[in-house]
Amino acid sequence: MESIGVVVNPIAGMGGRVGLKGTDGNVAEARRRGAEPRAPDRAREALRSLHRRAPDITVYTAAGAMGERAARDAGYDPEVVYDPADANASDTETAATTAADTRAAVRALLERGVDLVFFVGGDGTAVDVAEVLEAAEGETPMLGVPAGVKIYSSVFGVTPADAGRIAAEFDRVEAREVNDIDEDAYREGEVRTELKAVVPVPVAPAVQSSKQVSSGSVDSLAAGFAREVEPGRTYVFGPGSTVGAIEEELGIDPSPLGVDVWRAADRGESEGNAADSTAERGELLARDAAESDILEVLADPVTIVVSPIGGQGFVFGRGNHQISPAVIRRADEVSVVAADEKLDDIDSLRVDTDDEAVDEELRGWLQVRTGRFTTRLVNVV
């Protein structure tokens, strides 16, 4: 590979930690809630990984926050081929670029004959890139650096560093899916996915799979977990139907795709409740919470309860950015739950929290609860 085209969506992922579950159409609200840009740092990490392996490659990109700044920080001297109106905004100011800017930048990259379109964003950005590639009717592959809140498409490296390595080393491509969801429906707890494109993507083990939704029964798992809640302990429940089933078993009305914080009643407060009762046995401290909401109500001891994304294996870093490194550090226990059917399709669990020290602490072999009394040993990589 002689040249690469880089395009960064500077606002991708901003809505995650503040509980918006996406940033499309919600940049102003994300800023109002104190959201900070995520994509620029992930772009730098990916491009530094690329530079270590391919320092002499020609880099074409868009101006400022859409790629130029990250490429220079990584050690490249890029050629700017597109200049968005808000390109000179700093990372902290958050360049308000649009989908139209992304598409225009990709068209400019294709005009330069790049060997790979290397983009930073989420599923919405992937759709914008794929639409231009398909309209061009060429064979230029694309590869994503995951920076969005939700990642349903199979065109992304597992981590930014993985994406940079793949870009430098791949030698063949294969057709893979670009999917997107309706973010408004997603915020209301409903997942509506749609296949948007099929595009060539570099072949590598570290390209993540499309998200698959497991439909297996989790009733026994939920019942077993609920019977063993510790009085006085605070539980941070991640999104998804498996964790939601546990909440329902505890008498909580869960936010299906949000994060809830619940404190089990102290032993004296819960006397008289049968172990399998669906009566409320604690207090819901925060529902559909942003990172700041979670940190505000946490009280030791703390357990985080999450379930891996089907087909991908992520337990942190996809769809649950509200459970940030700061929240994870407050917990003395992380409990991963999943039905056997879901684990059968996952070779390992993955973490991508934006904090390498936290990721390293989470890695290793982990007991995943699969039923009322059963567990499986799965490696977190």
Protein backbone atom coordinates (compact mmCIF):
# COMPACT_ATOMS: atom_id res chain seq x y z
CA MET A 1 0.00 0.00 0.00
CA GLU A 2 1.43 3.35 -1.08
CA SER A 3 -1.20 5.85 0.07
CA ILE A 4 -4.00 6.13 2.59
CA GLY A 5 -6.91 8.54 2.89
CA VAL A 6 -7.80 9.62 6.42
CA VAL A 7 -11.10 11.20 7.46
CA VAL A 8 -12.13 11.88 11.06
CA ASN A 9 -15.63 12.64 12.33
CA PRO A 10 -14.66 14.93 15.26
CA ILE A 11 -18.01 14.63 17.04
CA ALA A 12 -18.28 10.82 16.91
CA GLY A 13 -18.88 9.25 20.31
CA MET A 14 -19.49 12.49 22.20
CA GLY A 15 -22.97 11.43 23.27
CA GLY A 16 -21.88 8.22 24.97
CA ARG A 17 -20.71 9.20 28.42
CA VAL A 18 -23.43 11.82 28.84
CA GLY A 19 -26.15 9.26 28.19
CA LEU A 20 -27.31 10.30 24.71
CA LYS A 21 -26.47 6.89 23.14
CA GLY A 22 -25.33 8.67 20.00
CA THR A 23 -24.42 12.11 18.70
CA ASP A 24 -26.34 12.32 15.41
CA GLY A 25 -28.41 15.50 15.62
CA ASN A 26 -27.49 15.99 19.28
CA VAL A 27 -24.15 17.81 19.26
CA ALA A 28 -25.53 20.88 21.03
CA GLU A 29 -27.17 18.77 23.74
CA ALA A 30 -23.99 16.72 24.16
CA ARG A 31 -22.00 19.93 24.64
CA ARG A 32 -24.58 21.26 27.09
CA ARG A 33 -24.15 18.11 29.17
CA GLY A 34 -20.39 18.61 29.22
CA ALA A 35 -19.40 16.01 26.61
CA GLU A 36 -15.80 16.01 25.46
CA PRO A 37 -14.52 14.96 22.02
CA ARG A 38 -13.45 11.33 21.79
CA ALA A 39 -12.60 10.82 18.15
CA PRO A 40 -9.44 13.01 17.90
CA ASP A 41 -7.55 11.00 20.54
CA ARG A 42 -8.58 7.72 18.96
CA ALA A 43 -7.50 9.00 15.55
CA ARG A 44 -4.07 9.86 16.96
CA GLU A 45 -3.74 6.44 18.57
CA ALA A 46 -4.63 4.66 15.33
CA LEU A 47 -2.32 6.79 13.19
CA ARG A 48 0.58 6.39 15.59
CA SER A 49 0.09 2.63 15.33
CA LEU A 50 0.15 2.99 11.54
CA HIS A 51 3.22 5.25 11.61
CA ARG A 52 5.24 2.75 13.65
CA ARG A 53 4.76 0.22 10.86
CA ALA A 54 4.50 2.41 7.75
CA PRO A 55 6.21 5.76 8.39
CA ASP A 56 6.79 6.49 4.70
CA ILE A 57 3.26 5.98 3.43
CA THR A 58 1.60 8.98 1.72
CA VAL A 59 -1.28 10.35 3.77
CA TYR A 60 -4.10 12.38 2.23
CA THR A 61 -6.67 13.86 4.57
CA ALA A 62 -9.08 16.70 5.37
CA ALA A 63 -7.99 19.86 7.15
CA GLY A 64 -7.76 20.41 10.89
CA ALA A 65 -9.90 18.25 13.13
CA MET A 66 -11.03 16.05 10.23
CA GLY A 67 -7.65 14.35 10.02
CA GLU A 68 -4.78 16.75 9.39
CA ARG A 69 -4.10 17.48 13.05
CA ALA A 70 -4.11 13.82 14.11
CA ALA A 71 -1.91 12.82 11.18
CA ARG A 72 0.69 15.48 12.04
CA ASP A 73 0.63 14.50 15.71
CA ALA A 74 1.30 10.90 14.63
CA GLY A 75 4.41 11.94 12.71
CA TYR A 76 3.11 12.31 9.15
CA ASP A 77 3.29 15.31 6.83
CA PRO A 78 -0.14 14.87 5.23
CA GLU A 79 -1.48 16.43 2.05
CA VAL A 80 -4.79 18.20 2.70
CA VAL A 81 -7.36 17.56 -0.04
CA TYR A 82 -10.51 18.96 1.60
CA ASP A 83 -11.12 21.96 3.86
CA PRO A 84 -14.36 21.96 5.88
CA ALA A 85 -15.74 25.26 7.09
CA ASP A 86 -15.06 24.48 10.77
CA ALA A 87 -11.73 22.73 10.26
CA ASN A 88 -9.71 25.06 12.48
CA ALA A 89 -11.73 24.48 15.65
CA SER A 90 -9.61 22.94 18.38
CA ASP A 91 -10.29 19.48 19.74
CA THR A 92 -11.80 21.01 22.88
CA GLU A 93 -14.02 23.34 20.85
CA THR A 94 -15.24 20.37 18.79
CA ALA A 95 -15.38 21.06 15.09
CA ALA A 96 -19.02 20.99 14.00
CA THR A 97 -18.44 19.11 10.78
CA THR A 98 -21.33 17.35 9.07
CA ALA A 99 -22.07 14.16 7.16
CA ALA A 100 -21.79 16.26 4.00
CA ASP A 101 -18.22 17.13 5.00
CA THR A 102 -17.40 13.44 5.47
CA ARG A 103 -18.79 12.53 2.05
CA ALA A 104 -17.01 15.43 0.35
CA ALA A 105 -13.73 14.48 2.00
CA VAL A 106 -14.04 10.85 0.88
CA ARG A 107 -14.75 11.94 -2.70
CA ALA A 108 -11.60 14.09 -2.61
CA LEU A 109 -9.60 11.15 -1.27
CA LEU A 110 -10.82 8.88 -4.05
CA GLU A 111 -9.81 11.46 -6.62
CA ARG A 112 -6.24 11.05 -5.33
CA GLY A 113 -6.43 7.30 -5.86
CA VAL A 114 -5.84 6.25 -2.25
CA ASP A 115 -5.37 2.55 -1.56
CA LEU A 116 -7.52 2.62 1.60
CA VAL A 117 -10.07 4.98 3.14
CA PHE A 118 -9.23 5.02 6.87
CA PHE A 119 -12.03 6.69 8.80
CA VAL A 120 -12.65 7.49 12.45
CA GLY A 121 -16.24 7.45 13.72
CA GLY A 122 -19.19 5.17 14.31
CA ASP A 123 -21.84 3.49 12.21
CA GLY A 124 -23.20 6.80 10.87
CA THR A 125 -19.75 7.76 9.61
CA ALA A 126 -19.32 4.29 8.12
CA VAL A 127 -22.56 4.76 6.17
CA ASP A 128 -21.38 8.11 4.80
CA VAL A 129 -18.06 6.61 3.67
CA ALA A 130 -19.68 3.51 2.19
CA GLU A 131 -22.23 5.51 0.21
CA VAL A 132 -19.46 7.45 -1.54
CA LEU A 133 -17.46 4.29 -2.23
CA GLU A 134 -20.47 2.54 -3.72
CA ALA A 135 -21.37 5.56 -5.84
CA ALA A 136 -17.81 5.62 -7.19
CA GLU A 137 -18.23 1.98 -8.29
CA GLY A 138 -14.58 1.30 -7.56
CA GLU A 139 -12.85 -1.28 -5.41
CA THR A 140 -11.21 0.97 -2.81
CA PRO A 141 -11.50 -0.70 0.62
CA MET A 142 -12.45 1.06 3.84
CA LEU A 143 -11.47 0.45 7.45
CA GLY A 144 -12.86 2.13 10.55
CA VAL A 145 -11.34 3.27 13.82
CA PRO A 146 -14.13 2.75 16.39
CA ALA A 147 -15.09 6.08 17.99
CA GLY A 148 -18.89 6.04 17.93
CA VAL A 149 -21.27 5.09 20.72
CA LYS A 150 -22.65 2.03 18.97
CA ILE A 151 -20.80 -0.09 16.46
CA TYR A 152 -23.04 -2.51 14.56
CA SER A 153 -20.98 -2.65 11.34
CA SER A 154 -18.24 -5.18 10.60
CA VAL A 155 -15.84 -2.67 9.06
CA PHE A 156 -13.96 -1.54 12.20
CA GLY A 157 -10.75 -2.60 13.87
CA VAL A 158 -11.36 -3.92 17.36
CA THR A 159 -9.32 -1.04 18.84
CA PRO A 160 -7.65 2.06 17.35
CA ALA A 161 -4.23 0.41 17.62
CA ASP A 162 -5.56 -2.69 15.85
CA ALA A 163 -6.95 -0.54 13.05
CA GLY A 164 -3.58 1.12 12.50
CA ARG A 165 -1.80 -2.21 12.41
CA ILE A 166 -4.30 -3.70 9.98
CA ALA A 167 -4.01 -0.68 7.67
CA ALA A 168 -0.25 -1.13 7.54
CA GLU A 169 -0.15 -4.90 7.09
CA PHE A 170 -3.25 -6.15 5.19
CA ASP A 171 -2.79 -7.93 1.88
CA ARG A 172 -6.34 -8.84 0.87
CA VAL A 173 -9.93 -7.68 1.39
CA GLU A 174 -13.36 -9.25 1.73
CA ALA A 175 -16.95 -8.00 1.50
CA ARG A 176 -18.40 -6.93 4.86
CA GLU A 177 -21.55 -5.25 6.12
CA VAL A 178 -22.23 -1.63 7.01
CA ASN A 179 -25.22 -1.41 9.36
CA ASP A 180 -26.87 1.48 11.15
CA ILE A 181 -29.68 1.98 13.61
CA ASP A 182 -32.35 4.60 14.16
CA GLU A 183 -30.84 6.64 17.03
CA ASP A 184 -34.17 8.17 18.08
CA ALA A 185 -35.68 4.70 18.43
CA TYR A 186 -32.49 3.52 20.16
CA ARG A 187 -32.86 6.24 22.80
CA GLU A 188 -36.38 4.97 23.44
CA GLY A 189 -35.08 1.44 24.00
CA GLU A 190 -35.77 -0.08 20.59
CA VAL A 191 -33.11 -1.40 18.23
CA ARG A 192 -33.93 -0.95 14.54
CA THR A 193 -31.00 -2.06 12.43
CA GLU A 194 -30.72 -1.74 8.67
CA LEU A 195 -28.14 -3.04 6.23
CA LYS A 196 -26.81 0.02 4.44
CA ALA A 197 -23.99 -1.30 2.27
CA VAL A 198 -21.61 -4.15 1.56
CA VAL A 199 -18.04 -2.94 1.04
CA PRO A 200 -14.48 -4.30 0.73
CA VAL A 201 -12.63 -4.34 4.06
CA PRO A 202 -9.14 -5.59 4.93
CA VAL A 203 -9.05 -9.18 6.14
CA ALA A 204 -7.69 -9.57 9.69
CA PRO A 205 -8.71 -11.32 12.93
CA ALA A 206 -8.86 -7.92 14.65
CA VAL A 207 -11.68 -6.64 12.42
CA GLN A 208 -14.76 -6.94 14.57
CA SER A 209 -17.87 -8.85 13.61
CA SER A 210 -21.34 -7.44 13.03
CA LYS A 211 -23.40 -7.19 16.18
CA GLN A 212 -25.67 -10.17 16.67
CA VAL A 213 -28.54 -10.22 19.15
CA SER A 214 -28.91 -13.39 21.14
CA SER A 215 -32.47 -14.50 21.77
CA GLY A 216 -31.73 -17.29 24.23
CA SER A 217 -33.61 -17.52 27.52
CA VAL A 218 -31.91 -15.87 30.47
CA ASP A 219 -34.64 -16.49 33.05
CA SER A 220 -32.59 -18.87 35.18
CA LEU A 221 -29.54 -16.62 35.01
CA ALA A 222 -31.57 -13.63 36.16
CA ALA A 223 -33.22 -15.57 38.96
CA GLY A 224 -29.89 -16.88 40.20
CA PHE A 225 -28.24 -13.47 40.17
CA ALA A 226 -31.20 -11.81 41.92
CA ARG A 227 -31.16 -14.34 44.75
CA GLU A 228 -27.53 -13.51 45.48
CA VAL A 229 -27.58 -9.71 45.59
CA GLU A 230 -25.65 -8.43 48.57
CA PRO A 231 -27.53 -6.20 51.03
CA GLY A 232 -26.25 -2.62 51.00
CA ARG A 233 -24.27 -3.07 47.75
CA THR A 234 -24.64 -0.64 44.84
CA TYR A 235 -25.16 -2.21 41.42
CA VAL A 236 -24.47 -0.47 38.11
CA PHE A 237 -26.54 -2.29 35.49
CA GLY A 238 -25.38 -1.95 31.90
CA PRO A 239 -27.63 -2.00 28.82
CA GLY A 240 -29.09 -5.02 27.09
CA SER A 241 -31.82 -7.61 27.52
CA THR A 242 -29.76 -10.02 29.64
CA VAL A 243 -28.97 -7.45 32.31
CA GLY A 244 -32.50 -6.07 31.94
CA ALA A 245 -33.89 -9.47 32.88
CA ILE A 246 -31.92 -9.33 36.13
CA GLU A 247 -33.31 -5.88 36.88
CA GLU A 248 -36.84 -7.07 36.23
CA GLU A 249 -36.27 -9.99 38.58
CA LEU A 250 -35.35 -7.42 41.23
CA GLY A 251 -38.51 -5.42 40.59
CA ILE A 252 -36.71 -2.66 38.66
CA ASP A 253 -38.11 -1.10 35.50
CA PRO A 254 -34.93 -1.14 33.40
CA SER A 255 -33.91 1.31 30.70
CA PRO A 256 -33.26 -1.29 27.98
CA LEU A 257 -30.36 0.50 26.30
CA GLY A 258 -29.27 2.74 29.15
CA VAL A 259 -27.38 2.35 32.42
CA ASP A 260 -29.21 2.09 35.75
CA VAL A 261 -27.83 2.36 39.29
CA TRP A 262 -29.56 0.46 42.09
CA ARG A 263 -28.73 -0.05 45.74
CA ALA A 264 -29.82 -3.25 47.45
CA ALA A 265 -31.61 -2.70 50.73
CA ASP A 266 -29.62 -3.23 53.89
CA ARG A 267 -30.28 -6.52 55.63
CA GLY A 268 -32.68 -5.01 58.13
CA GLU A 269 -34.58 -3.11 55.43
CA SER A 270 -35.14 -6.23 53.34
CA GLU A 271 -36.32 -8.57 56.11
CA GLY A 272 -39.58 -10.27 55.28
CA ASN A 273 -39.00 -10.31 51.53
CA ALA A 274 -38.85 -13.78 50.05
CA ALA A 275 -35.67 -14.48 48.12
CA ASP A 276 -37.57 -14.92 44.86
CA SER A 277 -40.02 -12.08 45.42
CA THR A 278 -40.46 -9.51 42.64
CA ALA A 279 -41.20 -6.84 45.24
CA GLU A 280 -38.72 -3.99 45.33
CA ARG A 281 -35.72 -4.96 47.43
CA GLY A 282 -33.72 -1.80 47.06
CA GLU A 283 -33.67 1.75 45.72
CA LEU A 284 -33.22 2.86 42.13
CA LEU A 285 -30.67 5.67 42.40
CA ALA A 286 -30.40 6.61 38.72
CA ARG A 287 -32.15 5.45 35.56
CA ASP A 288 -30.74 5.82 32.03
CA ALA A 289 -27.80 7.58 33.67
CA ALA A 290 -24.92 9.54 32.18
CA GLU A 291 -21.40 9.08 33.55
CA SER A 292 -21.78 12.09 35.85
CA ASP A 293 -25.09 10.76 37.23
CA ILE A 294 -23.50 7.40 38.02
CA LEU A 295 -20.52 8.91 39.80
CA GLU A 296 -22.77 11.19 41.82
CA VAL A 297 -24.82 8.36 43.36
CA LEU A 298 -22.20 5.63 43.76
CA ALA A 299 -21.64 4.38 47.28
CA ASP A 300 -19.27 1.54 48.20
CA PRO A 301 -19.30 -1.38 47.73
CA VAL A 302 -20.00 -1.33 43.97
CA THR A 303 -20.67 -4.08 41.41
CA ILE A 304 -20.87 -3.39 37.68
CA VAL A 305 -23.09 -5.83 35.80
CA VAL A 306 -22.62 -6.09 32.03
CA SER A 307 -23.28 -8.53 29.22
CA PRO A 308 -21.09 -8.89 26.11
CA ILE A 309 -22.33 -7.71 22.74
CA GLY A 310 -23.36 -10.77 20.77
CA GLY A 311 -21.00 -11.71 17.95
CA GLN A 312 -18.37 -9.18 19.08
CA GLY A 313 -17.67 -9.91 22.73
CA PHE A 314 -17.24 -6.34 23.95
CA VAL A 315 -18.11 -5.86 27.62
CA PHE A 316 -16.88 -2.25 27.82
CA GLY A 317 -16.44 0.33 25.08
CA ARG A 318 -19.46 -0.40 22.87
CA GLY A 319 -22.88 1.01 23.74
CA ASN A 320 -22.04 1.56 27.41
CA HIS A 321 -19.59 4.47 27.45
CA GLN A 322 -21.44 5.86 30.48
CA ILE A 323 -19.63 3.12 32.41
CA SER A 324 -16.38 5.04 31.99
CA PRO A 325 -12.92 4.31 33.37
CA ALA A 326 -13.76 6.55 36.33
CA VAL A 327 -16.84 4.43 37.08
CA ILE A 328 -14.96 1.17 36.61
CA ARG A 329 -12.28 2.31 39.07
CA ARG A 330 -14.96 2.87 41.70
CA ALA A 331 -16.14 -0.74 41.47
CA ASP A 332 -14.65 -3.55 43.52
CA GLU A 333 -16.43 -6.14 41.37
CA VAL A 334 -17.33 -6.57 37.70
CA SER A 335 -19.91 -9.25 36.95
CA VAL A 336 -20.29 -10.42 33.35
CA VAL A 337 -23.46 -12.34 32.51
CA ALA A 338 -24.41 -14.11 29.30
CA ALA A 339 -26.47 -17.08 28.16
CA ASP A 340 -24.49 -20.02 26.83
CA GLU A 341 -25.93 -19.42 23.35
CA LYS A 342 -24.32 -15.99 23.22
CA LEU A 343 -20.94 -17.21 24.43
CA ASP A 344 -20.95 -20.01 21.85
CA ASP A 345 -20.51 -17.36 19.15
CA ILE A 346 -17.74 -15.45 20.96
CA ASP A 347 -14.12 -16.62 21.02
CA SER A 348 -13.11 -14.11 23.71
CA LEU A 349 -14.33 -11.01 25.54
CA ARG A 350 -12.99 -7.56 24.67
CA VAL A 351 -12.57 -4.18 26.34
CA ASP A 352 -11.93 -0.76 24.80
CA THR A 353 -12.46 1.92 27.46
CA ASP A 354 -10.10 4.66 26.15
CA ASP A 355 -7.88 3.98 29.18
CA GLU A 356 -5.15 1.40 28.57
CA ALA A 357 -4.43 0.97 32.28
CA VAL A 358 -8.06 0.10 32.97
CA ASP A 359 -8.19 -2.19 29.94
CA GLU A 360 -5.11 -4.04 31.19
CA GLU A 361 -6.63 -4.49 34.65
CA LEU A 362 -9.76 -6.00 33.08
CA ARG A 363 -7.89 -8.44 30.83
CA GLY A 364 -7.40 -12.08 31.77
CA TRP A 365 -9.56 -15.09 32.48
CA LEU A 366 -13.00 -14.31 33.89
CA GLN A 367 -15.89 -16.38 35.21
CA VAL A 368 -19.00 -15.44 33.22
CA ARG A 369 -22.33 -16.31 34.79
CA THR A 370 -24.45 -18.33 32.34
CA GLY A 371 -27.30 -19.68 34.48
CA ARG A 372 -28.75 -19.99 37.95
CA PHE A 373 -25.67 -21.79 39.24
CA THR A 374 -23.41 -22.19 36.18
CA THR A 375 -20.43 -20.19 34.95
CA ARG A 376 -17.94 -20.40 32.06
CA LEU A 377 -14.33 -19.34 32.03
CA VAL A 378 -13.73 -16.84 29.19
CA ASN A 379 -10.61 -14.84 28.37
CA VAL A 380 -10.80 -11.03 28.24
CA VAL A 381 -8.30 -9.76 25.65
